[in-house]
């Protein structure tokens, strides 16, 4: 009888080990599926913003304000290219602005020109207004 009991205990232990292995492999599969879902459900704008360089977000925000529907389409396509690996480098504001302009969206950016006056940088409009007020006196 003790041989039967030891054989039964060995079979139980083997079955328990198989069940534990199945549970752990099922958890790993669920974890990888969750990771894929998180990557897929990431917002296209967030994907693009993560790859924007110097002044890129500024250009993107201006484009969204001025051409919201067209910009959304461009953002989705850029995010698709980034996730597929076709675009690997950061996109700075100048490149993004050139892209928008090349497809016919003339994004207007606020520009400010500074000039040096008496060792300080002042805006060109301030300098011209000071010069005009001094000429009028």
N, C-alpha and C. Protein backbone atom coordinates (compact mmCIF):
# COMPACT_ATOMS: atom_id res chain seq x y z
N UNK A 1 0.80 -1.19 0.00
CA UNK A 1 0.00 0.00 0.00
C UNK A 1 0.84 1.26 0.00
N UNK A 2 1.99 1.20 0.67
CA UNK A 2 2.83 2.38 0.72
C UNK A 2 3.40 2.72 -0.66
N UNK A 3 3.61 1.69 -1.50
CA UNK A 3 4.07 1.95 -2.86
C UNK A 3 3.00 2.69 -3.66
N UNK A 4 1.76 2.30 -3.47
CA UNK A 4 0.66 2.97 -4.16
C UNK A 4 0.52 4.40 -3.68
N UNK A 5 0.68 4.59 -2.37
CA UNK A 5 0.57 5.95 -1.82
C UNK A 5 1.70 6.85 -2.34
N UNK A 6 2.90 6.34 -2.40
CA UNK A 6 4.02 7.15 -2.89
C UNK A 6 3.86 7.44 -4.38
N UNK A 7 3.35 6.48 -5.13
CA UNK A 7 3.10 6.69 -6.56
C UNK A 7 2.01 7.75 -6.75
N UNK A 8 0.97 7.68 -5.94
CA UNK A 8 -0.11 8.66 -6.01
C UNK A 8 0.39 10.06 -5.65
N UNK A 9 1.20 10.17 -4.63
CA UNK A 9 1.77 11.46 -4.22
C UNK A 9 2.68 12.02 -5.32
N UNK A 10 3.44 11.15 -5.96
CA UNK A 10 4.32 11.60 -7.04
C UNK A 10 3.50 12.11 -8.22
N UNK A 11 2.42 11.44 -8.57
CA UNK A 11 1.55 11.88 -9.65
C UNK A 11 0.86 13.20 -9.31
N UNK A 12 0.43 13.34 -8.05
CA UNK A 12 -0.19 14.59 -7.62
C UNK A 12 0.80 15.75 -7.72
N UNK A 13 2.03 15.50 -7.29
CA UNK A 13 3.05 16.54 -7.35
C UNK A 13 3.36 16.92 -8.79
N UNK A 14 3.41 15.95 -9.67
CA UNK A 14 3.68 16.21 -11.08
C UNK A 14 2.54 17.03 -11.69
N UNK A 15 1.32 16.66 -11.38
CA UNK A 15 0.16 17.38 -11.91
C UNK A 15 0.11 18.80 -11.37
N UNK A 16 0.42 18.97 -10.11
CA UNK A 16 0.45 20.30 -9.50
C UNK A 16 1.51 21.18 -10.17
N UNK A 17 2.67 20.63 -10.46
CA UNK A 17 3.73 21.38 -11.14
C UNK A 17 3.28 21.79 -12.54
N UNK A 18 2.59 20.91 -13.25
CA UNK A 18 2.08 21.23 -14.59
C UNK A 18 1.05 22.36 -14.53
N UNK A 19 0.18 22.28 -13.55
CA UNK A 19 -0.85 23.32 -13.40
C UNK A 19 -0.22 24.68 -13.08
N UNK A 20 0.77 24.69 -12.22
CA UNK A 20 1.45 25.94 -11.88
C UNK A 20 2.17 26.52 -13.10
N UNK A 21 2.77 25.67 -13.90
CA UNK A 21 3.45 26.13 -15.10
C UNK A 21 2.44 26.70 -16.10
N UNK A 22 1.29 26.06 -16.23
CA UNK A 22 0.25 26.57 -17.12
C UNK A 22 -0.25 27.94 -16.66
N UNK A 23 -0.43 28.08 -15.37
CA UNK A 23 -0.90 29.37 -14.84
C UNK A 23 0.13 30.46 -15.09
N UNK A 24 1.40 30.19 -14.85
CA UNK A 24 2.43 31.21 -15.04
C UNK A 24 2.57 31.57 -16.52
N UNK A 25 2.49 30.59 -17.42
CA UNK A 25 2.59 30.91 -18.85
C UNK A 25 1.36 31.68 -19.31
N UNK A 26 0.19 31.39 -18.76
CA UNK A 26 -1.02 32.13 -19.11
C UNK A 26 -0.90 33.58 -18.65
N UNK A 27 -0.33 33.81 -17.48
CA UNK A 27 -0.13 35.18 -16.97
C UNK A 27 0.84 35.95 -17.86
N UNK A 28 1.89 35.29 -18.32
CA UNK A 28 2.85 35.95 -19.22
C UNK A 28 2.20 36.34 -20.54
N UNK A 29 1.35 35.48 -21.07
CA UNK A 29 0.65 35.77 -22.32
C UNK A 29 -0.29 36.96 -22.13
N UNK A 30 -1.02 36.97 -21.01
CA UNK A 30 -1.94 38.09 -20.74
C UNK A 30 -1.17 39.39 -20.57
N UNK A 31 -0.01 39.32 -19.93
CA UNK A 31 0.81 40.51 -19.73
C UNK A 31 1.29 41.07 -21.07
N UNK A 32 1.75 40.21 -21.97
CA UNK A 32 2.22 40.67 -23.28
C UNK A 32 1.06 41.23 -24.10
N UNK A 33 -0.13 40.63 -23.99
CA UNK A 33 -1.30 41.16 -24.69
C UNK A 33 -1.67 42.54 -24.17
N UNK A 34 -1.59 42.73 -22.84
CA UNK A 34 -1.89 44.04 -22.25
C UNK A 34 -0.89 45.08 -22.74
N UNK A 35 0.39 44.71 -22.83
CA UNK A 35 1.40 45.65 -23.31
C UNK A 35 1.13 46.05 -24.75
N UNK A 36 0.73 45.11 -25.58
CA UNK A 36 0.41 45.42 -26.98
C UNK A 36 -0.80 46.35 -27.06
N UNK A 37 -1.80 46.10 -26.23
CA UNK A 37 -2.98 46.95 -26.24
C UNK A 37 -2.63 48.36 -25.81
N UNK A 38 -1.76 48.50 -24.81
CA UNK A 38 -1.35 49.83 -24.35
C UNK A 38 -0.60 50.56 -25.45
N UNK A 39 0.25 49.87 -26.18
CA UNK A 39 0.99 50.51 -27.25
C UNK A 39 0.05 50.92 -28.39
N UNK A 40 -0.94 50.07 -28.68
CA UNK A 40 -1.86 50.37 -29.77
C UNK A 40 -2.80 51.51 -29.42
N UNK A 41 -3.21 51.60 -28.17
CA UNK A 41 -4.19 52.59 -27.79
C UNK A 41 -3.56 53.93 -27.43
N UNK A 42 -2.27 54.06 -27.55
CA UNK A 42 -1.62 55.33 -27.25
C UNK A 42 -2.07 56.38 -28.26
N UNK A 43 -2.35 57.55 -27.78
CA UNK A 43 -2.84 58.65 -28.59
C UNK A 43 -1.79 59.04 -29.64
N UNK A 44 -2.19 59.19 -30.91
CA UNK A 44 -1.23 59.56 -31.96
C UNK A 44 -0.51 60.88 -31.66
N UNK A 45 -1.22 61.82 -31.05
CA UNK A 45 -0.60 63.11 -30.72
C UNK A 45 0.51 62.92 -29.69
N UNK A 46 0.27 62.04 -28.70
CA UNK A 46 1.30 61.78 -27.69
C UNK A 46 2.54 61.14 -28.31
N UNK A 47 2.32 60.26 -29.27
CA UNK A 47 3.45 59.63 -29.96
C UNK A 47 4.27 60.68 -30.69
N UNK A 48 3.59 61.60 -31.37
CA UNK A 48 4.30 62.64 -32.12
C UNK A 48 5.00 63.60 -31.17
N UNK A 49 4.33 64.01 -30.10
CA UNK A 49 4.92 64.97 -29.16
C UNK A 49 6.21 64.40 -28.56
N UNK A 50 6.25 63.09 -28.34
CA UNK A 50 7.45 62.46 -27.78
C UNK A 50 8.63 62.56 -28.74
N UNK A 51 8.37 62.75 -30.04
CA UNK A 51 9.44 62.83 -31.04
C UNK A 51 9.67 64.24 -31.56
N UNK A 52 9.05 65.23 -30.93
CA UNK A 52 9.25 66.60 -31.37
C UNK A 52 10.48 67.20 -30.69
N UNK A 53 11.22 67.98 -31.46
CA UNK A 53 12.41 68.64 -30.94
C UNK A 53 12.15 70.10 -30.66
N UNK A 54 13.18 70.91 -30.84
CA UNK A 54 13.16 72.33 -30.52
C UNK A 54 12.02 73.04 -31.23
N UNK A 55 11.13 73.66 -30.48
CA UNK A 55 9.98 74.45 -30.94
C UNK A 55 8.97 73.63 -31.75
N UNK A 56 9.07 72.34 -31.69
CA UNK A 56 8.12 71.50 -32.41
C UNK A 56 6.72 71.59 -31.85
N UNK A 57 6.61 71.60 -30.53
CA UNK A 57 5.29 71.67 -29.90
C UNK A 57 4.61 73.00 -30.20
N UNK A 58 5.41 74.05 -30.31
CA UNK A 58 4.87 75.38 -30.64
C UNK A 58 4.24 75.37 -32.03
N UNK A 59 4.92 74.77 -32.99
CA UNK A 59 4.40 74.68 -34.35
C UNK A 59 3.15 73.81 -34.37
N UNK A 60 3.19 72.70 -33.65
CA UNK A 60 2.04 71.79 -33.62
C UNK A 60 0.81 72.48 -33.02
N UNK A 61 0.98 73.21 -31.94
CA UNK A 61 -0.15 73.90 -31.32
C UNK A 61 -0.72 74.97 -32.24
N UNK A 62 0.14 75.72 -32.92
CA UNK A 62 -0.36 76.71 -33.89
C UNK A 62 -1.12 76.03 -35.02
N UNK A 63 -0.60 74.92 -35.49
CA UNK A 63 -1.27 74.20 -36.58
C UNK A 63 -2.63 73.68 -36.11
N UNK A 64 -2.71 73.18 -34.89
CA UNK A 64 -3.97 72.68 -34.37
C UNK A 64 -5.00 73.80 -34.23
N UNK A 65 -4.56 74.98 -33.85
CA UNK A 65 -5.47 76.11 -33.72
C UNK A 65 -5.96 76.61 -35.08
N UNK A 66 -5.08 76.60 -36.07
CA UNK A 66 -5.42 77.19 -37.36
C UNK A 66 -6.07 76.20 -38.32
N UNK A 67 -5.63 74.95 -38.31
CA UNK A 67 -6.16 73.93 -39.23
C UNK A 67 -6.38 72.63 -38.46
N UNK A 68 -7.38 72.58 -37.60
CA UNK A 68 -7.54 71.45 -36.68
C UNK A 68 -7.78 70.11 -37.38
N UNK A 69 -8.65 70.08 -38.36
CA UNK A 69 -8.99 68.81 -39.02
C UNK A 69 -7.80 68.28 -39.83
N UNK A 70 -7.18 69.16 -40.61
CA UNK A 70 -6.03 68.75 -41.43
C UNK A 70 -4.86 68.34 -40.55
N UNK A 71 -4.67 69.08 -39.47
CA UNK A 71 -3.56 68.77 -38.56
C UNK A 71 -3.75 67.41 -37.91
N UNK A 72 -4.98 67.08 -37.56
CA UNK A 72 -5.26 65.77 -36.96
C UNK A 72 -4.86 64.64 -37.91
N UNK A 73 -5.16 64.81 -39.19
CA UNK A 73 -4.80 63.80 -40.19
C UNK A 73 -3.28 63.66 -40.30
N UNK A 74 -2.59 64.80 -40.32
CA UNK A 74 -1.12 64.78 -40.42
C UNK A 74 -0.52 64.13 -39.18
N UNK A 75 -1.05 64.46 -38.01
CA UNK A 75 -0.53 63.89 -36.76
C UNK A 75 -0.71 62.38 -36.75
N UNK A 76 -1.88 61.91 -37.19
CA UNK A 76 -2.12 60.46 -37.22
C UNK A 76 -1.14 59.76 -38.16
N UNK A 77 -0.89 60.36 -39.32
CA UNK A 77 0.03 59.74 -40.28
C UNK A 77 1.46 59.75 -39.75
N UNK A 78 1.87 60.86 -39.13
CA UNK A 78 3.22 60.93 -38.57
C UNK A 78 3.39 59.92 -37.43
N UNK A 79 2.37 59.78 -36.60
CA UNK A 79 2.43 58.80 -35.51
C UNK A 79 2.54 57.39 -36.06
N UNK A 80 1.82 57.12 -37.13
CA UNK A 80 1.89 55.81 -37.77
C UNK A 80 3.31 55.54 -38.30
N UNK A 81 3.92 56.55 -38.92
CA UNK A 81 5.28 56.40 -39.44
C UNK A 81 6.29 56.23 -38.31
N UNK A 82 6.06 56.90 -37.20
CA UNK A 82 6.97 56.78 -36.05
C UNK A 82 6.87 55.38 -35.45
N UNK A 83 5.64 54.90 -35.25
CA UNK A 83 5.49 53.57 -34.64
C UNK A 83 5.98 52.45 -35.55
N UNK A 84 5.89 52.66 -36.87
CA UNK A 84 6.38 51.62 -37.79
C UNK A 84 7.90 51.65 -37.92
N UNK A 85 8.53 52.74 -37.44
CA UNK A 85 9.98 52.82 -37.48
C UNK A 85 10.52 53.54 -38.70
N UNK A 86 9.65 54.06 -39.55
CA UNK A 86 10.13 54.77 -40.74
C UNK A 86 10.70 56.14 -40.38
N UNK A 87 10.19 56.74 -39.32
CA UNK A 87 10.75 58.00 -38.81
C UNK A 87 11.38 57.68 -37.46
N UNK A 88 12.69 57.89 -37.38
CA UNK A 88 13.39 57.57 -36.13
C UNK A 88 13.99 58.81 -35.47
N UNK A 89 14.17 59.87 -36.24
CA UNK A 89 14.81 61.06 -35.68
C UNK A 89 13.77 62.00 -35.09
N UNK A 90 14.23 62.93 -34.26
CA UNK A 90 13.35 63.95 -33.71
C UNK A 90 12.99 64.95 -34.78
N UNK A 91 11.78 65.48 -34.69
CA UNK A 91 11.29 66.46 -35.66
C UNK A 91 11.27 67.80 -34.96
N UNK A 92 12.12 68.73 -35.42
CA UNK A 92 12.12 70.05 -34.79
C UNK A 92 11.05 70.93 -35.43
N UNK A 93 10.86 72.11 -34.87
CA UNK A 93 9.82 73.00 -35.33
C UNK A 93 9.96 73.40 -36.78
N UNK A 94 11.18 73.62 -37.23
CA UNK A 94 11.40 74.01 -38.63
C UNK A 94 10.98 72.93 -39.60
N UNK A 95 11.35 71.69 -39.30
CA UNK A 95 10.98 70.58 -40.19
C UNK A 95 9.46 70.38 -40.22
N UNK A 96 8.84 70.50 -39.04
CA UNK A 96 7.40 70.33 -38.98
C UNK A 96 6.68 71.44 -39.74
N UNK A 97 7.17 72.66 -39.60
CA UNK A 97 6.59 73.79 -40.31
C UNK A 97 6.74 73.61 -41.82
N UNK A 98 7.92 73.16 -42.26
CA UNK A 98 8.13 72.90 -43.69
C UNK A 98 7.19 71.80 -44.19
N UNK A 99 6.96 70.78 -43.38
CA UNK A 99 6.04 69.71 -43.76
C UNK A 99 4.63 70.26 -43.96
N UNK A 100 4.16 71.04 -43.00
CA UNK A 100 2.82 71.61 -43.13
C UNK A 100 2.72 72.51 -44.35
N UNK A 101 3.72 73.31 -44.58
CA UNK A 101 3.67 74.22 -45.73
C UNK A 101 3.77 73.46 -47.05
N UNK A 102 4.50 72.35 -47.06
CA UNK A 102 4.64 71.58 -48.30
C UNK A 102 3.33 70.91 -48.70
N UNK A 103 2.45 70.66 -47.74
CA UNK A 103 1.15 70.06 -48.09
C UNK A 103 0.06 71.12 -48.23
N UNK A 104 0.47 72.39 -48.18
CA UNK A 104 -0.48 73.47 -48.46
C UNK A 104 -1.08 74.14 -47.24
N UNK A 105 -0.60 73.81 -46.06
CA UNK A 105 -1.11 74.46 -44.85
C UNK A 105 -0.12 75.54 -44.43
N UNK A 106 -0.48 76.79 -44.67
CA UNK A 106 0.42 77.90 -44.34
C UNK A 106 0.20 78.29 -42.89
N UNK A 107 0.94 77.67 -42.01
CA UNK A 107 0.83 77.92 -40.58
C UNK A 107 1.49 79.26 -40.28
N UNK A 108 0.74 80.14 -39.64
CA UNK A 108 1.29 81.44 -39.26
C UNK A 108 1.90 81.33 -37.87
N UNK A 109 3.13 81.75 -37.76
CA UNK A 109 3.84 81.72 -36.48
C UNK A 109 4.07 83.15 -36.02
N UNK A 110 3.99 83.35 -34.72
CA UNK A 110 4.30 84.66 -34.19
C UNK A 110 5.82 84.83 -34.20
N UNK A 111 6.26 85.90 -34.83
CA UNK A 111 7.70 86.14 -34.90
C UNK A 111 8.04 87.41 -34.14
N UNK A 112 9.23 87.43 -33.62
CA UNK A 112 9.70 88.58 -32.87
C UNK A 112 11.16 88.79 -33.24
N UNK A 113 11.47 89.98 -33.71
CA UNK A 113 12.83 90.29 -34.10
C UNK A 113 13.43 91.20 -33.04
N UNK A 114 14.54 90.79 -32.47
CA UNK A 114 15.23 91.59 -31.47
C UNK A 114 16.48 92.21 -32.08
N UNK A 115 16.74 93.46 -31.72
CA UNK A 115 17.95 94.14 -32.16
C UNK A 115 18.67 94.69 -30.93
N UNK A 116 19.95 94.90 -31.09
CA UNK A 116 20.73 95.41 -29.96
C UNK A 116 20.70 96.94 -29.97
N UNK A 117 20.41 97.51 -28.82
CA UNK A 117 20.39 98.96 -28.67
C UNK A 117 20.95 99.28 -27.29
N UNK A 118 22.03 100.01 -27.28
CA UNK A 118 22.70 100.39 -26.03
C UNK A 118 23.07 99.18 -25.18
N UNK A 119 23.52 98.12 -25.83
CA UNK A 119 23.97 96.93 -25.11
C UNK A 119 22.85 96.01 -24.66
N UNK A 120 21.61 96.33 -25.00
CA UNK A 120 20.46 95.49 -24.61
C UNK A 120 19.73 95.07 -25.87
N UNK A 121 19.06 93.94 -25.77
CA UNK A 121 18.23 93.48 -26.89
C UNK A 121 16.82 93.99 -26.67
N UNK A 122 16.30 94.73 -27.65
CA UNK A 122 14.92 95.22 -27.62
C UNK A 122 14.24 94.76 -28.91
N UNK A 123 12.93 94.66 -28.86
CA UNK A 123 12.21 94.22 -30.05
C UNK A 123 12.28 95.30 -31.12
N UNK A 124 12.24 94.88 -32.35
CA UNK A 124 12.34 95.81 -33.47
C UNK A 124 11.17 96.79 -33.46
N UNK A 125 9.99 96.31 -33.09
CA UNK A 125 8.82 97.20 -33.05
C UNK A 125 9.00 98.28 -31.99
N UNK A 126 9.60 97.93 -30.83
CA UNK A 126 9.86 98.95 -29.80
C UNK A 126 10.87 99.97 -30.29
N UNK A 127 11.91 99.49 -30.94
CA UNK A 127 12.95 100.41 -31.43
C UNK A 127 12.37 101.35 -32.48
N UNK A 128 11.56 100.81 -33.40
CA UNK A 128 10.96 101.66 -34.42
C UNK A 128 9.96 102.65 -33.82
N UNK A 129 9.21 102.23 -32.83
CA UNK A 129 8.25 103.15 -32.22
C UNK A 129 8.98 104.25 -31.44
N UNK A 130 10.10 103.91 -30.79
CA UNK A 130 10.89 104.92 -30.09
C UNK A 130 11.51 105.89 -31.10
N UNK A 131 11.97 105.39 -32.22
CA UNK A 131 12.59 106.22 -33.21
C UNK A 131 11.56 107.18 -33.83
N UNK A 132 10.36 106.66 -34.08
CA UNK A 132 9.30 107.49 -34.65
C UNK A 132 8.86 108.57 -33.65
N UNK A 133 8.78 108.23 -32.38
CA UNK A 133 8.36 109.22 -31.38
C UNK A 133 9.45 110.29 -31.19
N UNK A 134 10.73 109.88 -31.31
CA UNK A 134 11.82 110.84 -31.18
C UNK A 134 11.87 111.76 -32.41
N UNK A 135 11.56 111.24 -33.58
CA UNK A 135 11.56 112.06 -34.80
C UNK A 135 10.41 113.08 -34.79
N UNK A 136 9.31 112.72 -34.16
CA UNK A 136 8.15 113.58 -34.13
C UNK A 136 8.33 114.77 -33.19
N UNK A 137 9.25 114.70 -32.25
CA UNK A 137 9.44 115.78 -31.29
C UNK A 137 10.24 116.90 -31.82
